[in-house]
Protein backbone atom coordinates (compact mmCIF):
# COMPACT_ATOMS: atom_id res chain seq x y z
CA MET A 1 146.47 -157.38 -11.18
CA VAL A 2 146.33 -155.08 -8.21
CA GLY A 3 149.58 -154.48 -6.32
CA ARG A 4 151.88 -155.62 -9.06
CA GLY A 5 154.20 -153.21 -10.75
CA ALA A 6 155.61 -153.36 -14.23
CA PRO A 7 158.77 -155.32 -14.76
CA GLY A 8 161.82 -153.28 -13.66
CA ASP A 9 159.81 -151.17 -11.16
CA ARG A 10 161.39 -150.65 -7.79
CA SER A 11 160.17 -152.80 -5.00
CA ILE A 12 158.02 -151.43 -2.24
CA ALA A 13 161.01 -151.75 0.14
CA GLN A 14 163.19 -149.69 -2.19
CA ARG A 15 160.48 -147.03 -2.51
CA LEU A 16 160.06 -146.89 1.25
CA ASP A 17 163.81 -146.59 1.73
CA THR A 18 163.85 -143.61 -0.69
CA MET A 19 160.95 -142.02 1.16
CA GLU A 20 162.73 -142.45 4.51
CA GLN A 21 165.87 -140.77 3.08
CA GLU A 22 163.83 -137.90 1.68
CA LEU A 23 162.02 -137.50 4.96
CA GLY A 24 165.31 -137.36 6.83
CA GLY A 25 166.43 -134.57 4.52
CA VAL A 26 163.18 -132.64 5.19
CA ARG A 27 163.65 -133.02 8.95
CA GLN A 28 167.20 -131.73 8.68
CA ASP A 29 166.01 -128.73 6.58
CA LEU A 30 163.29 -127.97 9.16
CA GLY A 31 165.91 -128.08 11.92
CA ASP A 32 168.07 -125.63 9.95
CA VAL A 33 165.11 -123.27 9.53
CA LYS A 34 164.35 -123.43 13.29
CA ARG A 35 167.94 -122.63 14.13
CA LEU A 36 167.92 -119.68 11.69
CA LEU A 37 164.67 -118.31 13.03
CA THR A 38 165.92 -118.70 16.57
CA ALA A 39 169.06 -116.79 15.73
CA VAL A 40 167.09 -113.99 14.05
CA ALA A 41 164.75 -113.67 16.99
CA ARG A 42 167.60 -113.49 19.45
CA ALA A 43 169.34 -110.86 17.33
CA GLN A 44 166.15 -108.83 17.54
CA GLY A 45 166.11 -109.18 21.32
CA ILE A 46 163.27 -111.72 21.36
CA ASP A 47 163.49 -114.77 23.56
CA PRO A 48 162.22 -117.55 21.29
CA ASP A 49 161.32 -119.69 24.31
CA THR A 50 158.65 -117.20 25.39
CA ILE A 51 156.88 -117.01 22.07
CA SER A 52 153.73 -119.15 21.85
């Protein structure tokens, strides 16, 4: 049958919750990278707000 998992599989809601948590981690990591690149740019005398 389509849409039915094997017994013991996680529910769709559980899988979505896991994906949301992982996406939150990715967003946090991207924020960390942005802060790091901003700091490096400023240390080099570059204003990150003027870069397009």
